[in-house]
Amino acid sequence: TYTKSYVIKREVLLKSGDVFSASRMRRSVEKIYNLGFLEDVNVDVQQPRDPDLADLIFSVKEGKPGIFSAGAGFSSVDRFVGSLQVQHTNLFGRAQRVNALYEFGARRQNFDVGWTDPWFLGYNMSGGVDLFNTIRRRDFPGNSNSFRERRRGASFRLGPRISDDTGLLFAYTIQ
């Protein structure tokens, strides 16, 4: 109900007029599950009046696309550390991902916001952008002097998928 139909259709390897292939149908179901926000995928193979044809009906059940995670720990370098992350894996029903991450600690703070489109501009390539702001206190061992390191910037990603399990990713970072 929320996901756009083209998001599901572009993952189906069998197109209208193709010769039926059970392995391609199974791989299509895997690709739909790999989107990460669908709970159940069923395929019904129906035979119309012509025995040489088959109709495939994909039924999907949407899961919960939102993720919230929190963590805490202790590091000998950063001392107490923690993180909070919120992620949505199906923004506007288009399979786009948005992410907000906040990491904090006695010596470090990091904020990162990102967006990724797995089919950038309708092409079989991934594209995305991240904005970040990191502040870190650097201590010198045995010395009371320290300095503050601050990094702000953006990272841009773009990369085509060569096959189902191989792709390229080019990134450019300005900081």
C-alpha atoms as a PDB file:
ATOM      1  CA  THR A   1       0.000   0.000   0.000  1.00  0.00           C
ATOM      2  CA  TYR A   2       2.917   2.366   0.686  1.00  0.00           C
ATOM      3  CA  THR A   3       5.584   1.089  -1.714  1.00  0.00           C
ATOM      4  CA  LYS A   4       5.299   2.232  -5.329  1.00  0.00           C
ATOM      5  CA  SER A   5       4.647  -0.624  -7.774  1.00  0.00           C
ATOM      6  CA  TYR A   6       7.659   0.253  -9.958  1.00  0.00           C
ATOM      7  CA  VAL A   7       9.950  -0.452  -6.979  1.00  0.00           C
ATOM      8  CA  ILE A   8       8.805  -4.095  -7.030  1.00  0.00           C
ATOM      9  CA  LYS A   9       8.636  -4.378 -10.844  1.00  0.00           C
ATOM     10  CA  ARG A  10      12.226  -3.254 -11.392  1.00  0.00           C
ATOM     11  CA  GLU A  11      13.471  -6.125  -9.181  1.00  0.00           C
ATOM     12  CA  VAL A  12      11.588  -8.781 -11.201  1.00  0.00           C
ATOM     13  CA  LEU A  13      13.908 -10.413 -13.733  1.00  0.00           C
ATOM     14  CA  LEU A  14      11.087 -11.914 -15.822  1.00  0.00           C
ATOM     15  CA  LYS A  15       9.498  -9.410 -18.186  1.00  0.00           C
ATOM     16  CA  SER A  16       6.367  -9.699 -20.293  1.00  0.00           C
ATOM     17  CA  GLY A  17       6.981 -11.974 -23.275  1.00  0.00           C
ATOM     18  CA  ASP A  18      10.041 -13.708 -21.762  1.00  0.00           C
ATOM     19  CA  VAL A  19      10.328 -17.485 -21.590  1.00  0.00           C
ATOM     20  CA  PHE A  20       9.391 -18.636 -18.089  1.00  0.00           C
ATOM     21  CA  SER A  21      12.358 -19.555 -15.879  1.00  0.00           C
ATOM     22  CA  ALA A  22      11.850 -20.892 -12.344  1.00  0.00           C
ATOM     23  CA  SER A  23      15.400 -19.889 -11.359  1.00  0.00           C
ATOM     24  CA  ARG A  24      14.849 -16.306 -12.543  1.00  0.00           C
ATOM     25  CA  MET A  25      11.555 -16.233 -10.643  1.00  0.00           C
ATOM     26  CA  ARG A  26      13.303 -17.420  -7.434  1.00  0.00           C
ATOM     27  CA  ARG A  27      16.070 -14.843  -7.938  1.00  0.00           C
ATOM     28  CA  SER A  28      13.408 -12.143  -8.409  1.00  0.00           C
ATOM     29  CA  VAL A  29      11.858 -13.094  -5.065  1.00  0.00           C
ATOM     30  CA  GLU A  30      15.320 -12.877  -3.444  1.00  0.00           C
ATOM     31  CA  LYS A  31      15.892  -9.433  -4.939  1.00  0.00           C
ATOM     32  CA  ILE A  32      12.535  -8.225  -3.629  1.00  0.00           C
ATOM     33  CA  TYR A  33      13.349  -9.547  -0.130  1.00  0.00           C
ATOM     34  CA  ASN A  34      16.775  -7.877  -0.338  1.00  0.00           C
ATOM     35  CA  LEU A  35      15.090  -4.477  -0.509  1.00  0.00           C
ATOM     36  CA  GLY A  36      14.922  -4.879   3.257  1.00  0.00           C
ATOM     37  CA  PHE A  37      11.478  -3.502   4.028  1.00  0.00           C
ATOM     38  CA  LEU A  38       9.154  -6.261   2.802  1.00  0.00           C
ATOM     39  CA  GLU A  39       7.984  -8.899   5.232  1.00  0.00           C
ATOM     40  CA  ASP A  40       6.548 -11.501   2.865  1.00  0.00           C
ATOM     41  CA  VAL A  41       6.698 -12.183  -0.885  1.00  0.00           C
ATOM     42  CA  ASN A  42       4.499 -14.754  -2.631  1.00  0.00           C
ATOM     43  CA  VAL A  43       4.362 -15.671  -6.309  1.00  0.00           C
ATOM     44  CA  ASP A  44       1.301 -17.228  -7.896  1.00  0.00           C
ATOM     45  CA  VAL A  45       1.866 -18.797 -11.316  1.00  0.00           C
ATOM     46  CA  GLN A  46      -1.415 -18.943 -13.234  1.00  0.00           C
ATOM     47  CA  GLN A  47      -1.965 -20.404 -16.665  1.00  0.00           C
ATOM     48  CA  PRO A  48      -4.351 -18.496 -18.903  1.00  0.00           C
ATOM     49  CA  ARG A  49      -6.225 -20.087 -21.817  1.00  0.00           C
ATOM     50  CA  ASP A  50      -3.079 -20.448 -23.929  1.00  0.00           C
ATOM     51  CA  PRO A  51      -0.914 -23.350 -22.645  1.00  0.00           C
ATOM     52  CA  ASP A  52       2.258 -21.617 -23.856  1.00  0.00           C
ATOM     53  CA  LEU A  53       1.733 -18.617 -21.567  1.00  0.00           C
ATOM     54  CA  ALA A  54       1.850 -18.046 -17.821  1.00  0.00           C
ATOM     55  CA  ASP A  55       0.786 -15.146 -15.637  1.00  0.00           C
ATOM     56  CA  LEU A  56       2.912 -14.320 -12.600  1.00  0.00           C
ATOM     57  CA  ILE A  57       1.252 -12.511  -9.730  1.00  0.00           C
ATOM     58  CA  PHE A  58       3.580 -11.152  -7.047  1.00  0.00           C
ATOM     59  CA  SER A  59       1.961 -10.432  -3.681  1.00  0.00           C
ATOM     60  CA  VAL A  60       4.056  -8.573  -1.144  1.00  0.00           C
ATOM     61  CA  LYS A  61       3.456  -7.653   2.475  1.00  0.00           C
ATOM     62  CA  GLU A  62       5.185  -4.536   3.686  1.00  0.00           C
ATOM     63  CA  GLY A  63       7.142  -4.643   6.908  1.00  0.00           C
ATOM     64  CA  LYS A  64       8.258  -1.825   9.108  1.00  0.00           C
ATOM     65  CA  PRO A  65      10.800   0.329   7.232  1.00  0.00           C
ATOM     66  CA  GLY A  66      11.941   2.320  10.270  1.00  0.00           C
ATOM     67  CA  ILE A  67      14.927   1.333  12.383  1.00  0.00           C
ATOM     68  CA  PHE A  68      16.070   2.846  15.665  1.00  0.00           C
ATOM     69  CA  SER A  69      19.251   1.680  17.343  1.00  0.00           C
ATOM     70  CA  ALA A  70      21.261   2.772  20.359  1.00  0.00           C
ATOM     71  CA  GLY A  71      24.569   1.618  21.751  1.00  0.00           C
ATOM     72  CA  ALA A  72      27.081   2.365  24.472  1.00  0.00           C
ATOM     73  CA  GLY A  73      30.576   1.221  25.317  1.00  0.00           C
ATOM     74  CA  PHE A  74      33.990   2.059  26.679  1.00  0.00           C
ATOM     75  CA  SER A  75      37.143   2.626  24.686  1.00  0.00           C
ATOM     76  CA  SER A  76      40.671   3.161  26.015  1.00  0.00           C
ATOM     77  CA  VAL A  77      41.105   5.949  23.459  1.00  0.00           C
ATOM     78  CA  ASP A  78      37.704   7.667  23.552  1.00  0.00           C
ATOM     79  CA  ARG A  79      36.599   6.505  27.033  1.00  0.00           C
ATOM     80  CA  PHE A  80      32.800   6.315  27.326  1.00  0.00           C
ATOM     81  CA  VAL A  81      31.117   6.250  23.899  1.00  0.00           C
ATOM     82  CA  GLY A  82      27.540   5.970  22.716  1.00  0.00           C
ATOM     83  CA  SER A  83      25.490   6.144  19.559  1.00  0.00           C
ATOM     84  CA  LEU A  84      21.935   6.801  18.464  1.00  0.00           C
ATOM     85  CA  GLN A  85      20.761   6.031  14.943  1.00  0.00           C
ATOM     86  CA  VAL A  86      17.469   6.461  13.115  1.00  0.00           C
ATOM     87  CA  GLN A  87      16.996   5.004   9.644  1.00  0.00           C
ATOM     88  CA  HIS A  88      14.121   4.765   7.174  1.00  0.00           C
ATOM     89  CA  THR A  89      14.600   2.199   4.385  1.00  0.00           C
ATOM     90  CA  ASN A  90      11.622   3.071   2.162  1.00  0.00           C
ATOM     91  CA  LEU A  91      11.363   6.846   2.002  1.00  0.00           C
ATOM     92  CA  PHE A  92       8.186   7.978   0.196  1.00  0.00           C
ATOM     93  CA  GLY A  93       7.641   4.357  -0.951  1.00  0.00           C
ATOM     94  CA  ARG A  94      10.549   4.643  -3.434  1.00  0.00           C
ATOM     95  CA  ALA A  95      13.102   2.364  -1.654  1.00  0.00           C
ATOM     96  CA  GLN A  96      15.270   5.383  -0.881  1.00  0.00           C
ATOM     97  CA  ARG A  97      17.123   5.267   2.436  1.00  0.00           C
ATOM     98  CA  VAL A  98      17.639   8.118   4.864  1.00  0.00           C
ATOM     99  CA  ASN A  99      19.870   7.840   7.909  1.00  0.00           C
ATOM    100  CA  ALA A 100      20.731  10.037  10.914  1.00  0.00           C
ATOM    101  CA  LEU A 101      23.562   8.992  13.242  1.00  0.00           C
ATOM    102  CA  TYR A 102      24.794  10.699  16.405  1.00  0.00           C
ATOM    103  CA  GLU A 103      27.898   9.372  18.133  1.00  0.00           C
ATOM    104  CA  PHE A 104      29.077  10.881  21.388  1.00  0.00           C
ATOM    105  CA  GLY A 105      31.715  10.372  24.009  1.00  0.00           C
ATOM    106  CA  ALA A 106      34.085  12.057  26.421  1.00  0.00           C
ATOM    107  CA  ARG A 107      36.472  12.922  23.583  1.00  0.00           C
ATOM    108  CA  ARG A 108      34.349  12.762  20.442  1.00  0.00           C
ATOM    109  CA  GLN A 109      31.083  13.893  18.905  1.00  0.00           C
ATOM    110  CA  ASN A 110      29.927  12.956  15.435  1.00  0.00           C
ATOM    111  CA  PHE A 111      26.747  13.751  13.546  1.00  0.00           C
ATOM    112  CA  ASP A 112      26.071  12.176  10.144  1.00  0.00           C
ATOM    113  CA  VAL A 113      22.995  12.507   7.929  1.00  0.00           C
ATOM    114  CA  GLY A 114      22.743  10.515   4.710  1.00  0.00           C
ATOM    115  CA  TRP A 115      20.443   9.729   1.796  1.00  0.00           C
ATOM    116  CA  THR A 116      20.783   6.887  -0.726  1.00  0.00           C
ATOM    117  CA  ASP A 117      18.760   6.032  -3.832  1.00  0.00           C
ATOM    118  CA  PRO A 118      19.425   2.479  -5.103  1.00  0.00           C
ATOM    119  CA  TRP A 119      18.120   3.398  -8.588  1.00  0.00           C
ATOM    120  CA  PHE A 120      19.523   6.896  -8.988  1.00  0.00           C
ATOM    121  CA  LEU A 121      17.607   8.907 -11.625  1.00  0.00           C
ATOM    122  CA  GLY A 122      15.866   5.686 -12.718  1.00  0.00           C
ATOM    123  CA  TYR A 123      19.109   3.972 -13.745  1.00  0.00           C
ATOM    124  CA  ASN A 124      20.521   0.742 -12.340  1.00  0.00           C
ATOM    125  CA  MET A 125      23.046   2.610 -10.204  1.00  0.00           C
ATOM    126  CA  SER A 126      23.230   3.747  -6.622  1.00  0.00           C
ATOM    127  CA  GLY A 127      23.606   7.397  -5.682  1.00  0.00           C
ATOM    128  CA  GLY A 128      23.743   9.208  -2.396  1.00  0.00           C
ATOM    129  CA  VAL A 129      25.040  11.999  -0.224  1.00  0.00           C
ATOM    130  CA  ASP A 130      26.244  12.213   3.390  1.00  0.00           C
ATOM    131  CA  LEU A 131      26.713  15.350   5.474  1.00  0.00           C
ATOM    132  CA  PHE A 132      28.889  15.089   8.574  1.00  0.00           C
ATOM    133  CA  ASN A 133      30.251  17.112  11.469  1.00  0.00           C
ATOM    134  CA  THR A 134      32.896  15.523  13.718  1.00  0.00           C
ATOM    135  CA  ILE A 135      34.597  17.038  16.759  1.00  0.00           C
ATOM    136  CA  ARG A 136      37.387  15.108  18.482  1.00  0.00           C
ATOM    137  CA  ARG A 137      39.683  16.032  21.351  1.00  0.00           C
ATOM    138  CA  ARG A 138      43.231  14.745  20.790  1.00  0.00           C
ATOM    139  CA  ASP A 139      45.423  14.311  23.878  1.00  0.00           C
ATOM    140  CA  PHE A 140      49.167  13.868  23.928  1.00  0.00           C
ATOM    141  CA  PRO A 141      50.303  11.036  26.257  1.00  0.00           C
ATOM    142  CA  GLY A 142      52.051  12.327  29.377  1.00  0.00           C
ATOM    143  CA  ASN A 143      51.315  15.927  28.461  1.00  0.00           C
ATOM    144  CA  SER A 144      48.464  18.187  29.554  1.00  0.00           C
ATOM    145  CA  ASN A 145      48.290  19.761  26.103  1.00  0.00           C
ATOM    146  CA  SER A 146      45.594  18.725  23.696  1.00  0.00           C
ATOM    147  CA  PHE A 147      43.972  20.075  20.585  1.00  0.00           C
ATOM    148  CA  ARG A 148      40.520  19.981  19.117  1.00  0.00           C
ATOM    149  CA  GLU A 149      39.994  18.524  15.662  1.00  0.00           C
ATOM    150  CA  ARG A 150      36.860  19.515  13.768  1.00  0.00           C
ATOM    151  CA  ARG A 151      35.768  18.062  10.446  1.00  0.00           C
ATOM    152  CA  ARG A 152      32.737  19.207   8.510  1.00  0.00           C
ATOM    153  CA  GLY A 153      31.869  18.122   5.049  1.00  0.00           C
ATOM    154  CA  ALA A 154      29.929  16.145   2.534  1.00  0.00           C
ATOM    155  CA  SER A 155      30.467  12.903   0.698  1.00  0.00           C
ATOM    156  CA  PHE A 156      28.872  12.114  -2.659  1.00  0.00           C
ATOM    157  CA  ARG A 157      28.502   8.523  -3.918  1.00  0.00           C
ATOM    158  CA  LEU A 158      27.608   7.174  -7.348  1.00  0.00           C
ATOM    159  CA  GLY A 159      28.077   3.720  -8.774  1.00  0.00           C
ATOM    160  CA  PRO A 160      26.564   1.352 -11.337  1.00  0.00           C
ATOM    161  CA  ARG A 161      25.633  -2.267 -10.655  1.00  0.00           C
ATOM    162  CA  ILE A 162      27.468  -4.507 -13.097  1.00  0.00           C
ATOM    163  CA  SER A 163      25.541  -7.647 -12.116  1.00  0.00           C
ATOM    164  CA  ASP A 164      23.293  -8.836  -9.288  1.00  0.00           C
ATOM    165  CA  ASP A 165      26.240  -9.257  -6.942  1.00  0.00           C
ATOM    166  CA  THR A 166      28.855  -6.867  -8.354  1.00  0.00           C
ATOM    167  CA  GLY A 167      28.929  -3.109  -8.511  1.00  0.00           C
ATOM    168  CA  LEU A 168      31.234  -0.122  -8.556  1.00  0.00           C
ATOM    169  CA  LEU A 169      31.063   2.794  -6.161  1.00  0.00           C
ATOM    170  CA  PHE A 170      32.787   6.114  -6.701  1.00  0.00           C
ATOM    171  CA  ALA A 171      32.867   8.594  -3.827  1.00  0.00           C
ATOM    172  CA  TYR A 172      34.024  12.172  -3.513  1.00  0.00           C
ATOM    173  CA  THR A 173      34.419  13.820  -0.116  1.00  0.00           C
ATOM    174  CA  ILE A 174      34.780  17.517   0.641  1.00  0.00           C
ATOM    175  CA  GLN A 175      35.835  18.378   4.186  1.00  0.00           C
END
